[in-house]
Amino acid sequence: MLETMEGTLQHPKPAARKLASKLLVVQIVFLLVALGSIGLTLFVSWKLEGSAATINDAGSLRMRAWRLAYLASETETLRAAGGEDIARSIAAFDVVLGTLREGDPARPLSLPRSAAVEERFAAVDRDWTALSRTLQAVAAGGAAPRRADVEHFVDEVNALVATIENDIAATTAVLRNAQLALVALAIGGTVAIMYLSFLLVIRPLTRLHQGIERMAQGDLTARVPVETRDEFGELTAGFNDMAERLSGLYQTLESRVEEKTRRLAERNARLATLYDMAAFLNRGQPQGEMCEGFLERVAGAF
């Protein structure tokens, strides 16, 4: 019986990785989801940081445009010493516009990649091309740009900034939703892990413990339902098999004890008869009485 029980307990070894595999898969799934959510929030944060720098540079275009318009309007100062100033200002304007167009990962700075922003930026770039030509011609004696043209360009820059701000607001909403999703993930993950721990570990152990307590109290009919195919299922099946064997042994134990008792009583009776006969034969008595007494005892014994 001990060998059978040892074999039953050793049987789950090939399947011992099943429960560990379940727990490992659950942990990997939650880890991947958490890493994905964290990566999303980091990406959105980086995008917001780049968009904020973009607003600063795009907003500076308005001031630069008005400064260029002022330099162009001062025709006398411009032709005397301002030609170089307006050329440097145009070059600096082009640098800022090129940075907005290409982006700068070191700052970081990146123009939001949306159709509305790209359309507004294209309008600013187009208007600046026309305005810069007018400004470059001023140094050669050309007329300064009209105030209406400068105001139109500034309005285009304002529209670009407003579009970027709207994109930032939408991105901020995404970041807020991602953070709320992380909170929900943390709560849901904790609840799910607690439930899975109860379902995969605590409940099978509790049922096995209850079955052992019932057997300890003498209830050999105690059985535990096998619900899984992991090592707990194998252990439960082994427990049921052990309980079945113990129940069978207990049921035949009484009949075995009765049989042993009956045989022992018969042996004791035969020994008593033999002892009585030996004592009777050892007595000094006539042969006839000895024969009659011997026959009487033999007849009484059978």
C-alpha atoms as a PDB file:
ATOM      1  CA  MET A   1       0.000   0.000   0.000  1.00  0.00           C
ATOM      2  CA  LEU A   2       2.872   2.382   0.817  1.00  0.00           C
ATOM      3  CA  GLU A   3       4.379   1.688  -2.575  1.00  0.00           C
ATOM      4  CA  THR A   4       1.035   2.471  -4.232  1.00  0.00           C
ATOM      5  CA  MET A   5       0.706   5.741  -2.305  1.00  0.00           C
ATOM      6  CA  GLU A   6       4.290   6.694  -3.150  1.00  0.00           C
ATOM      7  CA  GLY A   7       3.561   5.981  -6.814  1.00  0.00           C
ATOM      8  CA  THR A   8       0.437   8.127  -6.621  1.00  0.00           C
ATOM      9  CA  LEU A   9       2.345  11.021  -5.082  1.00  0.00           C
ATOM     10  CA  GLN A  10       5.167  10.751  -7.590  1.00  0.00           C
ATOM     11  CA  HIS A  11       2.815  10.618 -10.583  1.00  0.00           C
ATOM     12  CA  PRO A  12       2.130  14.417 -10.813  1.00  0.00           C
ATOM     13  CA  LYS A  13       5.813  15.227 -11.440  1.00  0.00           C
ATOM     14  CA  PRO A  14       5.541  15.262 -15.256  1.00  0.00           C
ATOM     15  CA  ALA A  15       2.656  17.776 -14.973  1.00  0.00           C
ATOM     16  CA  ALA A  16       4.255  19.909 -12.245  1.00  0.00           C
ATOM     17  CA  ARG A  17       4.887  22.727 -14.675  1.00  0.00           C
ATOM     18  CA  LYS A  18       1.232  23.202 -15.601  1.00  0.00           C
ATOM     19  CA  LEU A  19       0.259  25.499 -12.730  1.00  0.00           C
ATOM     20  CA  ALA A  20       3.569  27.339 -12.984  1.00  0.00           C
ATOM     21  CA  SER A  21       2.901  27.838 -16.701  1.00  0.00           C
ATOM     22  CA  LYS A  22      -0.544  29.302 -15.985  1.00  0.00           C
ATOM     23  CA  LEU A  23       0.827  31.725 -13.422  1.00  0.00           C
ATOM     24  CA  LEU A  24       3.731  32.625 -15.711  1.00  0.00           C
ATOM     25  CA  VAL A  25       1.401  33.332 -18.647  1.00  0.00           C
ATOM     26  CA  VAL A  26      -0.802  35.547 -16.461  1.00  0.00           C
ATOM     27  CA  GLN A  27       2.201  37.487 -15.203  1.00  0.00           C
ATOM     28  CA  ILE A  28       3.641  37.896 -18.701  1.00  0.00           C
ATOM     29  CA  VAL A  29       0.293  39.150 -20.045  1.00  0.00           C
ATOM     30  CA  PHE A  30      -0.043  41.742 -17.288  1.00  0.00           C
ATOM     31  CA  LEU A  31       3.604  42.733 -17.718  1.00  0.00           C
ATOM     32  CA  LEU A  32       3.187  43.258 -21.466  1.00  0.00           C
ATOM     33  CA  VAL A  33      -0.007  45.268 -20.978  1.00  0.00           C
ATOM     34  CA  ALA A  34       1.637  47.384 -18.278  1.00  0.00           C
ATOM     35  CA  LEU A  35       4.744  47.974 -20.388  1.00  0.00           C
ATOM     36  CA  GLY A  36       2.570  48.869 -23.378  1.00  0.00           C
ATOM     37  CA  SER A  37       0.564  51.366 -21.331  1.00  0.00           C
ATOM     38  CA  ILE A  38       3.690  52.888 -19.796  1.00  0.00           C
ATOM     39  CA  GLY A  39       5.318  53.103 -23.231  1.00  0.00           C
ATOM     40  CA  LEU A  40       2.220  54.839 -24.582  1.00  0.00           C
ATOM     41  CA  THR A  41       2.246  57.411 -21.774  1.00  0.00           C
ATOM     42  CA  LEU A  42       5.974  58.049 -22.286  1.00  0.00           C
ATOM     43  CA  PHE A  43       5.457  58.505 -26.023  1.00  0.00           C
ATOM     44  CA  VAL A  44       2.532  60.868 -25.490  1.00  0.00           C
ATOM     45  CA  SER A  45       4.519  62.829 -22.871  1.00  0.00           C
ATOM     46  CA  TRP A  46       7.443  63.133 -25.275  1.00  0.00           C
ATOM     47  CA  LYS A  47       5.055  64.251 -28.010  1.00  0.00           C
ATOM     48  CA  LEU A  48       3.525  66.873 -25.722  1.00  0.00           C
ATOM     49  CA  GLU A  49       6.968  68.151 -24.803  1.00  0.00           C
ATOM     50  CA  GLY A  50       7.861  68.453 -28.480  1.00  0.00           C
ATOM     51  CA  SER A  51       4.567  70.191 -29.230  1.00  0.00           C
ATOM     52  CA  ALA A  52       5.154  72.710 -26.431  1.00  0.00           C
ATOM     53  CA  ALA A  53       8.542  73.623 -27.921  1.00  0.00           C
ATOM     54  CA  THR A  54       6.862  73.896 -31.309  1.00  0.00           C
ATOM     55  CA  ILE A  55       4.351  76.404 -29.936  1.00  0.00           C
ATOM     56  CA  ASN A  56       7.196  78.512 -28.537  1.00  0.00           C
ATOM     57  CA  ASP A  57       9.027  78.617 -31.868  1.00  0.00           C
ATOM     58  CA  ALA A  58       5.859  79.071 -33.919  1.00  0.00           C
ATOM     59  CA  GLY A  59       4.736  81.879 -31.613  1.00  0.00           C
ATOM     60  CA  SER A  60       8.088  83.606 -32.060  1.00  0.00           C
ATOM     61  CA  LEU A  61       7.388  83.847 -35.790  1.00  0.00           C
ATOM     62  CA  ARG A  62       4.815  86.549 -35.099  1.00  0.00           C
ATOM     63  CA  MET A  63       7.332  88.734 -33.280  1.00  0.00           C
ATOM     64  CA  ARG A  64       9.960  88.112 -35.943  1.00  0.00           C
ATOM     65  CA  ALA A  65       7.500  89.036 -38.702  1.00  0.00           C
ATOM     66  CA  TRP A  66       6.598  92.335 -37.028  1.00  0.00           C
ATOM     67  CA  ARG A  67      10.278  93.100 -36.448  1.00  0.00           C
ATOM     68  CA  LEU A  68      11.040  92.496 -40.112  1.00  0.00           C
ATOM     69  CA  ALA A  69       8.092  94.702 -41.080  1.00  0.00           C
ATOM     70  CA  TYR A  70       9.446  97.426 -38.808  1.00  0.00           C
ATOM     71  CA  LEU A  71      12.949  97.190 -40.301  1.00  0.00           C
ATOM     72  CA  ALA A  72      11.500  97.303 -43.798  1.00  0.00           C
ATOM     73  CA  SER A  73       9.421 100.366 -42.980  1.00  0.00           C
ATOM     74  CA  GLU A  74      12.488 102.285 -41.816  1.00  0.00           C
ATOM     75  CA  THR A  75      13.704 102.816 -45.342  1.00  0.00           C
ATOM     76  CA  GLU A  76      16.323 105.436 -44.543  1.00  0.00           C
ATOM     77  CA  THR A  77      17.888 103.436 -41.716  1.00  0.00           C
ATOM     78  CA  LEU A  78      17.649 100.285 -43.771  1.00  0.00           C
ATOM     79  CA  ARG A  79      19.562 101.695 -46.741  1.00  0.00           C
ATOM     80  CA  ALA A  80      22.185 103.177 -44.430  1.00  0.00           C
ATOM     81  CA  ALA A  81      22.954 100.250 -42.134  1.00  0.00           C
ATOM     82  CA  GLY A  82      19.866  98.053 -41.851  1.00  0.00           C
ATOM     83  CA  GLY A  83      20.370  95.861 -44.880  1.00  0.00           C
ATOM     84  CA  GLU A  84      22.490  93.437 -42.962  1.00  0.00           C
ATOM     85  CA  ASP A  85      20.004  93.388 -40.031  1.00  0.00           C
ATOM     86  CA  ILE A  86      17.084  92.463 -42.209  1.00  0.00           C
ATOM     87  CA  ALA A  87      19.152  89.815 -43.993  1.00  0.00           C
ATOM     88  CA  ARG A  88      20.189  88.262 -40.658  1.00  0.00           C
ATOM     89  CA  SER A  89      16.580  88.394 -39.447  1.00  0.00           C
ATOM     90  CA  ILE A  90      15.367  86.663 -42.606  1.00  0.00           C
ATOM     91  CA  ALA A  91      18.058  83.993 -42.181  1.00  0.00           C
ATOM     92  CA  ALA A  92      17.083  83.479 -38.533  1.00  0.00           C
ATOM     93  CA  PHE A  93      13.432  83.280 -39.581  1.00  0.00           C
ATOM     94  CA  ASP A  94      14.322  80.602 -42.131  1.00  0.00           C
ATOM     95  CA  VAL A  95      16.220  78.645 -39.484  1.00  0.00           C
ATOM     96  CA  VAL A  96      13.217  78.663 -37.132  1.00  0.00           C
ATOM     97  CA  LEU A  97      10.883  77.696 -39.963  1.00  0.00           C
ATOM     98  CA  GLY A  98      13.225  74.895 -41.036  1.00  0.00           C
ATOM     99  CA  THR A  99      13.441  73.604 -37.470  1.00  0.00           C
ATOM    100  CA  LEU A 100       9.655  73.495 -37.310  1.00  0.00           C
ATOM    101  CA  ARG A 101       9.604  71.650 -40.619  1.00  0.00           C
ATOM    102  CA  GLU A 102      12.325  69.083 -39.811  1.00  0.00           C
ATOM    103  CA  GLY A 103      12.022  68.909 -36.009  1.00  0.00           C
ATOM    104  CA  ASP A 104      14.775  68.753 -33.401  1.00  0.00           C
ATOM    105  CA  PRO A 105      14.941  65.542 -31.310  1.00  0.00           C
ATOM    106  CA  ALA A 106      17.554  67.070 -28.986  1.00  0.00           C
ATOM    107  CA  ARG A 107      15.173  69.658 -27.524  1.00  0.00           C
ATOM    108  CA  PRO A 108      12.801  67.760 -28.308  1.00  0.00           C
ATOM    109  CA  LEU A 109      10.799  69.670 -30.911  1.00  0.00           C
ATOM    110  CA  SER A 110       8.439  68.130 -33.424  1.00  0.00           C
ATOM    111  CA  LEU A 111       5.531  69.483 -35.395  1.00  0.00           C
ATOM    112  CA  PRO A 112       2.385  67.392 -34.796  1.00  0.00           C
ATOM    113  CA  ARG A 113       1.805  65.088 -37.751  1.00  0.00           C
ATOM    114  CA  SER A 114      -1.824  65.834 -38.460  1.00  0.00           C
ATOM    115  CA  ALA A 115      -3.526  66.953 -41.650  1.00  0.00           C
ATOM    116  CA  ALA A 116      -4.769  70.208 -40.104  1.00  0.00           C
ATOM    117  CA  VAL A 117      -1.340  71.182 -38.754  1.00  0.00           C
ATOM    118  CA  GLU A 118       0.409  70.299 -42.019  1.00  0.00           C
ATOM    119  CA  GLU A 119      -2.128  72.332 -43.964  1.00  0.00           C
ATOM    120  CA  ARG A 120      -1.625  75.361 -41.721  1.00  0.00           C
ATOM    121  CA  PHE A 121       2.144  75.025 -41.832  1.00  0.00           C
ATOM    122  CA  ALA A 122       2.064  74.804 -45.625  1.00  0.00           C
ATOM    123  CA  ALA A 123       0.065  78.058 -45.701  1.00  0.00           C
ATOM    124  CA  VAL A 124       2.590  79.762 -43.418  1.00  0.00           C
ATOM    125  CA  ASP A 125       5.486  78.488 -45.519  1.00  0.00           C
ATOM    126  CA  ARG A 126       3.827  79.662 -48.708  1.00  0.00           C
ATOM    127  CA  ASP A 127       3.049  83.133 -47.347  1.00  0.00           C
ATOM    128  CA  TRP A 128       6.541  83.455 -45.909  1.00  0.00           C
ATOM    129  CA  THR A 129       8.078  82.685 -49.290  1.00  0.00           C
ATOM    130  CA  ALA A 130       6.175  85.604 -50.801  1.00  0.00           C
ATOM    131  CA  LEU A 131       6.833  87.899 -47.821  1.00  0.00           C
ATOM    132  CA  SER A 132      10.565  87.124 -47.700  1.00  0.00           C
ATOM    133  CA  ARG A 133      10.941  88.037 -51.361  1.00  0.00           C
ATOM    134  CA  THR A 134       9.373  91.406 -50.671  1.00  0.00           C
ATOM    135  CA  LEU A 135      11.642  91.942 -47.658  1.00  0.00           C
ATOM    136  CA  GLN A 136      14.772  91.008 -49.590  1.00  0.00           C
ATOM    137  CA  ALA A 137      13.812  93.482 -52.319  1.00  0.00           C
ATOM    138  CA  VAL A 138      13.580  96.324 -49.830  1.00  0.00           C
ATOM    139  CA  ALA A 139      17.362  96.520 -49.461  1.00  0.00           C
ATOM    140  CA  ALA A 140      17.636  97.039 -53.199  1.00  0.00           C
ATOM    141  CA  GLY A 141      15.181  99.931 -53.127  1.00  0.00           C
ATOM    142  CA  GLY A 142      11.967  98.021 -53.324  1.00  0.00           C
ATOM    143  CA  ALA A 143       8.810  98.940 -51.463  1.00  0.00           C
ATOM    144  CA  ALA A 144       8.226  97.690 -47.935  1.00  0.00           C
ATOM    145  CA  PRO A 145       5.584  94.992 -47.519  1.00  0.00           C
ATOM    146  CA  ARG A 146       2.053  96.182 -46.952  1.00  0.00           C
ATOM    147  CA  ARG A 147       0.724  96.072 -43.430  1.00  0.00           C
ATOM    148  CA  ALA A 148      -2.197  93.973 -44.655  1.00  0.00           C
ATOM    149  CA  ASP A 149       0.234  91.349 -45.986  1.00  0.00           C
ATOM    150  CA  VAL A 150       2.111  91.235 -42.694  1.00  0.00           C
ATOM    151  CA  GLU A 151      -1.145  90.992 -40.732  1.00  0.00           C
ATOM    152  CA  HIS A 152      -2.319  88.192 -43.032  1.00  0.00           C
ATOM    153  CA  PHE A 153       0.941  86.321 -42.428  1.00  0.00           C
ATOM    154  CA  VAL A 154       0.632  86.833 -38.654  1.00  0.00           C
ATOM    155  CA  ASP A 155      -2.958  85.558 -38.828  1.00  0.00           C
ATOM    156  CA  GLU A 156      -1.681  82.443 -40.591  1.00  0.00           C
ATOM    157  CA  VAL A 157       0.884  81.967 -37.814  1.00  0.00           C
ATOM    158  CA  ASN A 158      -1.855  82.443 -35.214  1.00  0.00           C
ATOM    159  CA  ALA A 159      -3.968  79.835 -36.978  1.00  0.00           C
ATOM    160  CA  LEU A 160      -0.985  77.465 -36.969  1.00  0.00           C
ATOM    161  CA  VAL A 161      -0.422  78.007 -33.247  1.00  0.00           C
ATOM    162  CA  ALA A 162      -4.119  77.499 -32.504  1.00  0.00           C
ATOM    163  CA  THR A 163      -4.151  74.281 -34.540  1.00  0.00           C
ATOM    164  CA  ILE A 164      -1.087  73.016 -32.634  1.00  0.00           C
ATOM    165  CA  GLU A 165      -2.788  73.901 -29.345  1.00  0.00           C
ATOM    166  CA  ASN A 166      -5.868  71.940 -30.391  1.00  0.00           C
ATOM    167  CA  ASP A 167      -3.656  68.970 -31.245  1.00  0.00           C
ATOM    168  CA  ILE A 168      -1.964  69.284 -27.840  1.00  0.00           C
ATOM    169  CA  ALA A 169      -5.363  69.323 -26.140  1.00  0.00           C
ATOM    170  CA  ALA A 170      -6.335  66.130 -27.968  1.00  0.00           C
ATOM    171  CA  THR A 171      -2.992  64.521 -27.101  1.00  0.00           C
ATOM    172  CA  THR A 172      -3.420  65.563 -23.470  1.00  0.00           C
ATOM    173  CA  ALA A 173      -6.805  63.873 -23.461  1.00  0.00           C
ATOM    174  CA  VAL A 174      -5.138  60.716 -24.779  1.00  0.00           C
ATOM    175  CA  LEU A 175      -2.528  60.936 -22.016  1.00  0.00           C
ATOM    176  CA  ARG A 176      -5.238  61.419 -19.403  1.00  0.00           C
ATOM    177  CA  ASN A 177      -7.163  58.430 -20.731  1.00  0.00           C
ATOM    178  CA  ALA A 178      -3.970  56.361 -20.741  1.00  0.00           C
ATOM    179  CA  GLN A 179      -3.327  57.283 -17.118  1.00  0.00           C
ATOM    180  CA  LEU A 180      -6.886  56.369 -16.195  1.00  0.00           C
ATOM    181  CA  ALA A 181      -6.399  53.104 -18.067  1.00  0.00           C
ATOM    182  CA  LEU A 182      -3.253  52.460 -16.005  1.00  0.00           C
ATOM    183  CA  VAL A 183      -5.232  53.017 -12.812  1.00  0.00           C
ATOM    184  CA  ALA A 184      -7.945  50.658 -14.054  1.00  0.00           C
ATOM    185  CA  LEU A 185      -5.271  48.168 -15.093  1.00  0.00           C
ATOM    186  CA  ALA A 186      -3.671  48.284 -11.651  1.00  0.00           C
ATOM    187  CA  ILE A 187      -7.017  47.715  -9.932  1.00  0.00           C
ATOM    188  CA  GLY A 188      -8.184  45.093 -12.420  1.00  0.00           C
ATOM    189  CA  GLY A 189      -4.821  43.335 -12.366  1.00  0.00           C
ATOM    190  CA  THR A 190      -4.826  43.146  -8.590  1.00  0.00           C
ATOM    191  CA  VAL A 191      -8.371  41.791  -8.543  1.00  0.00           C
ATOM    192  CA  ALA A 192      -7.602  39.324 -11.344  1.00  0.00           C
ATOM    193  CA  ILE A 193      -4.456  38.039  -9.629  1.00  0.00           C
ATOM    194  CA  MET A 194      -6.338  37.655  -6.348  1.00  0.00           C
ATOM    195  CA  TYR A 195      -9.146  35.786  -8.099  1.00  0.00           C
ATOM    196  CA  LEU A 196      -6.765  33.554 -10.047  1.00  0.00           C
ATOM    197  CA  SER A 197      -4.795  32.834  -6.871  1.00  0.00           C
ATOM    198  CA  PHE A 198      -8.025  31.832  -5.158  1.00  0.00           C
ATOM    199  CA  LEU A 199      -9.185  29.802  -8.157  1.00  0.00           C
ATOM    200  CA  LEU A 200      -5.905  28.028  -8.924  1.00  0.00           C
ATOM    201  CA  VAL A 201      -4.304  27.674  -5.488  1.00  0.00           C
ATOM    202  CA  ILE A 202      -6.409  28.562  -2.471  1.00  0.00           C
ATOM    203  CA  ARG A 203      -9.623  26.718  -3.375  1.00  0.00           C
ATOM    204  CA  PRO A 204      -7.929  23.415  -4.341  1.00  0.00           C
ATOM    205  CA  LEU A 205      -5.855  23.520  -1.144  1.00  0.00           C
ATOM    206  CA  THR A 206      -8.925  24.305   0.937  1.00  0.00           C
ATOM    207  CA  ARG A 207     -10.851  21.377  -0.548  1.00  0.00           C
ATOM    208  CA  LEU A 208      -7.946  19.021   0.033  1.00  0.00           C
ATOM    209  CA  HIS A 209      -7.656  20.244   3.613  1.00  0.00           C
ATOM    210  CA  GLN A 210     -11.377  19.685   4.184  1.00  0.00           C
ATOM    211  CA  GLY A 211     -11.116  16.185   2.709  1.00  0.00           C
ATOM    212  CA  ILE A 212      -8.175  15.353   4.987  1.00  0.00           C
ATOM    213  CA  GLU A 213     -10.073  16.636   8.033  1.00  0.00           C
ATOM    214  CA  ARG A 214     -13.093  14.483   7.154  1.00  0.00           C
ATOM    215  CA  MET A 215     -10.887  11.427   6.821  1.00  0.00           C
ATOM    216  CA  ALA A 216      -9.185  12.247  10.118  1.00  0.00           C
ATOM    217  CA  GLN A 217     -12.628  12.287  11.743  1.00  0.00           C
ATOM    218  CA  GLY A 218     -13.351   8.805  10.383  1.00  0.00           C
ATOM    219  CA  ASP A 219     -15.352   9.703   7.276  1.00  0.00           C
ATOM    220  CA  LEU A 220     -13.767   7.407   4.718  1.00  0.00           C
ATOM    221  CA  THR A 221     -16.354   8.412   2.107  1.00  0.00           C
ATOM    222  CA  ALA A 222     -14.717  11.841   1.770  1.00  0.00           C
ATOM    223  CA  ARG A 223     -13.865  12.658  -1.838  1.00  0.00           C
ATOM    224  CA  VAL A 224     -12.598  15.841  -3.518  1.00  0.00           C
ATOM    225  CA  PRO A 225     -13.836  16.722  -7.029  1.00  0.00           C
ATOM    226  CA  VAL A 226     -11.114  16.888  -9.681  1.00  0.00           C
ATOM    227  CA  GLU A 227     -11.656  20.158 -11.562  1.00  0.00           C
ATOM    228  CA  THR A 228      -8.273  20.806 -13.199  1.00  0.00           C
ATOM    229  CA  ARG A 229      -5.566  18.866 -14.965  1.00  0.00           C
ATOM    230  CA  ASP A 230      -2.636  20.579 -13.278  1.00  0.00           C
ATOM    231  CA  GLU A 231      -0.650  19.240 -10.329  1.00  0.00           C
ATOM    232  CA  PHE A 232      -3.508  20.066  -7.966  1.00  0.00           C
ATOM    233  CA  GLY A 233      -5.765  17.903 -10.112  1.00  0.00           C
ATOM    234  CA  GLU A 234      -3.221  15.088  -9.982  1.00  0.00           C
ATOM    235  CA  LEU A 235      -2.871  15.503  -6.226  1.00  0.00           C
ATOM    236  CA  THR A 236      -6.645  15.474  -5.806  1.00  0.00           C
ATOM    237  CA  ALA A 237      -6.920  12.323  -7.913  1.00  0.00           C
ATOM    238  CA  GLY A 238      -4.218  10.730  -5.766  1.00  0.00           C
ATOM    239  CA  PHE A 239      -6.094  11.706  -2.625  1.00  0.00           C
ATOM    240  CA  ASN A 240      -9.316  10.171  -3.948  1.00  0.00           C
ATOM    241  CA  ASP A 241      -7.474   6.996  -4.925  1.00  0.00           C
ATOM    242  CA  MET A 242      -5.898   6.775  -1.483  1.00  0.00           C
ATOM    243  CA  ALA A 243      -9.293   7.359   0.167  1.00  0.00           C
ATOM    244  CA  GLU A 244     -10.856   4.658  -2.005  1.00  0.00           C
ATOM    245  CA  ARG A 245      -8.167   2.167  -1.017  1.00  0.00           C
ATOM    246  CA  LEU A 246      -8.462   3.037   2.658  1.00  0.00           C
ATOM    247  CA  SER A 247     -12.234   2.680   2.468  1.00  0.00           C
ATOM    248  CA  GLY A 248     -11.870  -0.744   0.852  1.00  0.00           C
ATOM    249  CA  LEU A 249      -9.356  -1.834   3.466  1.00  0.00           C
ATOM    250  CA  TYR A 250     -11.595  -0.609   6.265  1.00  0.00           C
ATOM    251  CA  GLN A 251     -14.624  -2.427   4.857  1.00  0.00           C
ATOM    252  CA  THR A 252     -12.766  -5.774   4.727  1.00  0.00           C
ATOM    253  CA  LEU A 253     -10.995  -5.200   8.032  1.00  0.00           C
ATOM    254  CA  GLU A 254     -13.976  -6.291  10.195  1.00  0.00           C
ATOM    255  CA  SER A 255     -14.513  -9.495   8.246  1.00  0.00           C
ATOM    256  CA  ARG A 256     -10.817 -10.234   8.454  1.00  0.00           C
ATOM    257  CA  VAL A 257     -10.794  -9.629  12.200  1.00  0.00           C
ATOM    258  CA  GLU A 258     -13.843 -11.865  12.656  1.00  0.00           C
ATOM    259  CA  GLU A 259     -12.208 -14.600  10.584  1.00  0.00           C
ATOM    260  CA  LYS A 260      -8.993 -14.358  12.569  1.00  0.00           C
ATOM    261  CA  THR A 261     -10.947 -14.403  15.857  1.00  0.00           C
ATOM    262  CA  ARG A 262     -12.950 -17.460  14.794  1.00  0.00           C
ATOM    263  CA  ARG A 263      -9.825 -19.332  13.781  1.00  0.00           C
ATOM    264  CA  LEU A 264      -8.115 -18.401  17.012  1.00  0.00           C
ATOM    265  CA  ALA A 265     -11.114 -19.612  19.002  1.00  0.00           C
ATOM    266  CA  GLU A 266     -11.085 -22.907  17.139  1.00  0.00           C
ATOM    267  CA  ARG A 267      -7.408 -23.368  17.850  1.00  0.00           C
ATOM    268  CA  ASN A 268      -7.914 -22.533  21.495  1.00  0.00           C
ATOM    269  CA  ALA A 269     -10.762 -25.045  21.679  1.00  0.00           C
ATOM    270  CA  ARG A 270      -8.616 -27.746  20.104  1.00  0.00           C
ATOM    271  CA  LEU A 271      -5.764 -26.986  22.428  1.00  0.00           C
ATOM    272  CA  ALA A 272      -8.122 -27.172  25.389  1.00  0.00           C
ATOM    273  CA  THR A 273      -9.422 -30.516  24.170  1.00  0.00           C
ATOM    274  CA  LEU A 274      -5.920 -31.856  23.699  1.00  0.00           C
ATOM    275  CA  TYR A 275      -4.935 -30.635  27.116  1.00  0.00           C
ATOM    276  CA  ASP A 276      -8.001 -32.242  28.698  1.00  0.00           C
ATOM    277  CA  MET A 277      -7.310 -35.525  26.895  1.00  0.00           C
ATOM    278  CA  ALA A 278      -3.685 -35.524  27.942  1.00  0.00           C
ATOM    279  CA  ALA A 279      -4.683 -34.918  31.544  1.00  0.00           C
ATOM    280  CA  PHE A 280      -7.337 -37.651  31.333  1.00  0.00           C
ATOM    281  CA  LEU A 281      -4.970 -40.191  29.837  1.00  0.00           C
ATOM    282  CA  ASN A 282      -2.332 -39.499  32.432  1.00  0.00           C
ATOM    283  CA  ARG A 283      -4.684 -40.559  35.201  1.00  0.00           C
ATOM    284  CA  GLY A 284      -4.378 -44.043  36.587  1.00  0.00           C
ATOM    285  CA  GLN A 285      -7.639 -45.873  35.595  1.00  0.00           C
ATOM    286  CA  PRO A 286      -8.875 -49.092  34.040  1.00  0.00           C
ATOM    287  CA  GLN A 287      -8.513 -49.497  30.325  1.00  0.00           C
ATOM    288  CA  GLY A 288     -12.262 -49.652  29.674  1.00  0.00           C
ATOM    289  CA  GLU A 289     -12.988 -46.412  31.501  1.00  0.00           C
ATOM    290  CA  MET A 290     -10.051 -44.813  29.720  1.00  0.00           C
ATOM    291  CA  CYS A 291     -11.428 -45.818  26.306  1.00  0.00           C
ATOM    292  CA  GLU A 292     -14.945 -44.646  27.133  1.00  0.00           C
ATOM    293  CA  GLY A 293     -13.672 -41.319  28.459  1.00  0.00           C
ATOM    294  CA  PHE A 294     -11.436 -40.827  25.423  1.00  0.00           C
ATOM    295  CA  LEU A 295     -14.330 -41.510  23.022  1.00  0.00           C
ATOM    296  CA  GLU A 296     -16.624 -39.140  24.926  1.00  0.00           C
ATOM    297  CA  ARG A 297     -14.061 -36.337  24.703  1.00  0.00           C
ATOM    298  CA  VAL A 298     -13.393 -36.973  21.043  1.00  0.00           C
ATOM    299  CA  ALA A 299     -17.151 -36.915  20.296  1.00  0.00           C
ATOM    300  CA  GLY A 300     -17.566 -33.706  22.289  1.00  0.00           C
ATOM    301  CA  ALA A 301     -14.703 -32.038  20.440  1.00  0.00           C
ATOM    302  CA  PHE A 302     -16.269 -32.696  16.985  1.00  0.00           C
END
